[in-house]
Amino acid sequence: STCTNPHAIFFCLQILVNVGNFFTLESVFVAPRKGIYSFNFHVIKVYQSQTIQVNLMLNGKPVISAFAGDKDVTREAATNGVLLYLDKEDKVYLKLEKGNLVGGWQYSTFSGFLVFPL
């Protein structure tokens, strides 16, 4: 998927590092254990006159969002990051809430890792 329709889970076409295989093929991070985790994302819109909104979701509920909506700019970034307390098997993923990432998906990143086990 290239994440072109709103309300879709943001699918990455290439996983660069996945030690332990906790990112699924659908780009969902599944917590291997209880702990404090760090998540960051960086999303690029590549079309002028559009707004994008991306939510970081925890078990189906939005936690943080990022927007890119300058109508006069062709390429613009939306980025955010957060530390989260997760229980084992909690699921974290990105969801495109508004706009599209046609062309921009290839410049976008999503990462997560365990900071402190509990």
Protein backbone atom coordinates (compact mmCIF):
# COMPACT_ATOMS: atom_id res chain seq x y z
CA SER A 1 0.00 0.00 0.00
CA THR A 2 1.17 3.53 -0.64
CA CYS A 3 -1.12 5.10 1.96
CA THR A 4 -3.25 7.07 -0.49
CA ASN A 5 -6.62 6.90 1.21
CA PRO A 6 -7.50 8.54 4.50
CA HIS A 7 -8.26 6.40 7.54
CA ALA A 8 -5.80 3.75 6.35
CA ILE A 9 -3.02 2.25 8.40
CA PHE A 10 0.27 3.62 7.16
CA PHE A 11 2.06 0.70 5.51
CA CYS A 12 5.81 0.87 4.99
CA LEU A 13 7.06 -0.82 1.87
CA GLN A 14 10.51 -1.43 3.28
CA ILE A 15 11.47 -2.37 6.83
CA LEU A 16 15.08 -1.42 7.40
CA VAL A 17 15.65 -2.81 10.92
CA ASN A 18 13.33 -5.20 12.73
CA VAL A 19 15.33 -6.94 15.45
CA GLY A 20 13.00 -9.46 17.09
CA ASN A 21 10.36 -9.02 14.34
CA PHE A 22 8.11 -6.82 16.49
CA PHE A 23 7.03 -4.74 13.49
CA THR A 24 4.55 -6.80 11.49
CA LEU A 25 4.47 -6.81 7.69
CA GLU A 26 1.54 -4.38 8.04
CA SER A 27 3.83 -1.89 9.90
CA VAL A 28 2.18 -2.47 13.28
CA PHE A 29 4.53 -2.56 16.27
CA VAL A 30 3.51 -5.28 18.76
CA ALA A 31 5.12 -4.81 22.19
CA PRO A 32 7.11 -7.90 23.20
CA ARG A 33 6.97 -7.00 26.91
CA LYS A 34 5.75 -4.41 29.39
CA GLY A 35 7.89 -1.28 29.40
CA ILE A 36 8.53 2.27 28.30
CA TYR A 37 8.88 2.62 24.51
CA SER A 38 9.97 5.46 22.27
CA PHE A 39 8.16 6.12 18.96
CA ASN A 40 8.97 8.69 16.28
CA PHE A 41 7.58 9.37 12.83
CA HIS A 42 8.39 11.71 10.00
CA VAL A 43 5.93 12.02 7.10
CA ILE A 44 6.30 14.08 3.90
CA LYS A 45 3.51 15.51 1.78
CA VAL A 46 4.55 16.17 -1.81
CA TYR A 47 1.59 18.03 -3.29
CA GLN A 48 0.75 21.68 -2.91
CA SER A 49 -2.72 22.70 -1.72
CA GLN A 50 -3.33 19.71 0.50
CA THR A 51 -3.25 19.00 4.20
CA ILE A 52 -2.20 15.72 5.76
CA GLN A 53 -2.78 14.50 9.28
CA VAL A 54 -1.14 11.38 10.67
CA ASN A 55 -2.06 9.88 14.04
CA LEU A 56 0.07 7.54 16.11
CA MET A 57 -2.40 4.95 17.36
CA LEU A 58 -2.22 2.77 20.48
CA ASN A 59 -4.63 -0.17 20.40
CA GLY A 60 -6.92 1.69 18.00
CA LYS A 61 -6.94 5.04 19.83
CA PRO A 62 -5.02 8.17 18.75
CA VAL A 63 -2.20 9.25 21.08
CA ILE A 64 -0.43 12.03 19.16
CA SER A 65 -0.83 13.66 15.74
CA ALA A 66 1.22 15.58 13.23
CA PHE A 67 -0.02 17.96 10.52
CA ALA A 68 1.39 19.41 7.33
CA GLY A 69 -0.91 21.93 5.70
CA ASP A 70 0.89 24.91 4.21
CA LYS A 71 -0.99 25.50 0.93
CA ASP A 72 1.96 27.38 -0.61
CA VAL A 73 4.54 24.64 -0.12
CA THR A 74 4.92 21.57 -2.33
CA ARG A 75 6.99 19.48 0.10
CA GLU A 76 6.36 19.72 3.82
CA ALA A 77 7.11 17.47 6.79
CA ALA A 78 4.89 16.40 9.65
CA THR A 79 6.78 14.87 12.55
CA ASN A 80 6.23 13.88 16.15
CA GLY A 81 7.50 11.56 18.85
CA VAL A 82 6.42 10.18 22.20
CA LEU A 83 7.37 7.89 25.08
CA LEU A 84 4.63 5.38 25.91
CA TYR A 85 4.00 2.86 28.64
CA LEU A 86 3.01 -0.37 26.88
CA ASP A 87 1.81 -3.70 28.14
CA LYS A 88 2.82 -6.90 26.38
CA GLU A 89 1.09 -7.23 22.97
CA ASP A 90 -0.10 -3.60 22.83
CA LYS A 91 -0.20 -2.44 19.21
CA VAL A 92 1.19 0.87 17.92
CA TYR A 93 0.89 2.06 14.33
CA LEU A 94 0.42 5.15 12.17
CA LYS A 95 -2.92 6.03 10.65
CA LEU A 96 -3.43 8.50 7.82
CA GLU A 97 -6.36 10.58 9.04
CA LYS A 98 -6.50 13.26 6.33
CA GLY A 99 -4.94 13.78 2.90
CA ASN A 100 -2.74 11.32 1.03
CA LEU A 101 0.89 10.37 0.81
CA VAL A 102 1.08 9.62 -2.90
CA GLY A 103 4.79 9.94 -3.64
CA GLY A 104 5.55 11.05 -0.08
CA TRP A 105 5.36 7.60 1.49
CA GLN A 106 8.84 6.80 0.15
CA TYR A 107 10.33 9.67 2.19
CA SER A 108 8.47 8.87 5.41
CA THR A 109 9.72 6.94 8.44
CA PHE A 110 8.28 5.28 11.54
CA SER A 111 10.39 3.83 14.33
CA GLY A 112 9.87 2.39 17.79
CA PHE A 113 12.01 0.70 20.40
CA LEU A 114 12.10 -0.37 24.05
CA VAL A 115 13.69 2.24 26.32
CA PHE A 116 13.17 0.63 29.71
CA PRO A 117 11.65 -2.80 30.52
CA LEU A 118 9.28 -3.06 33.50
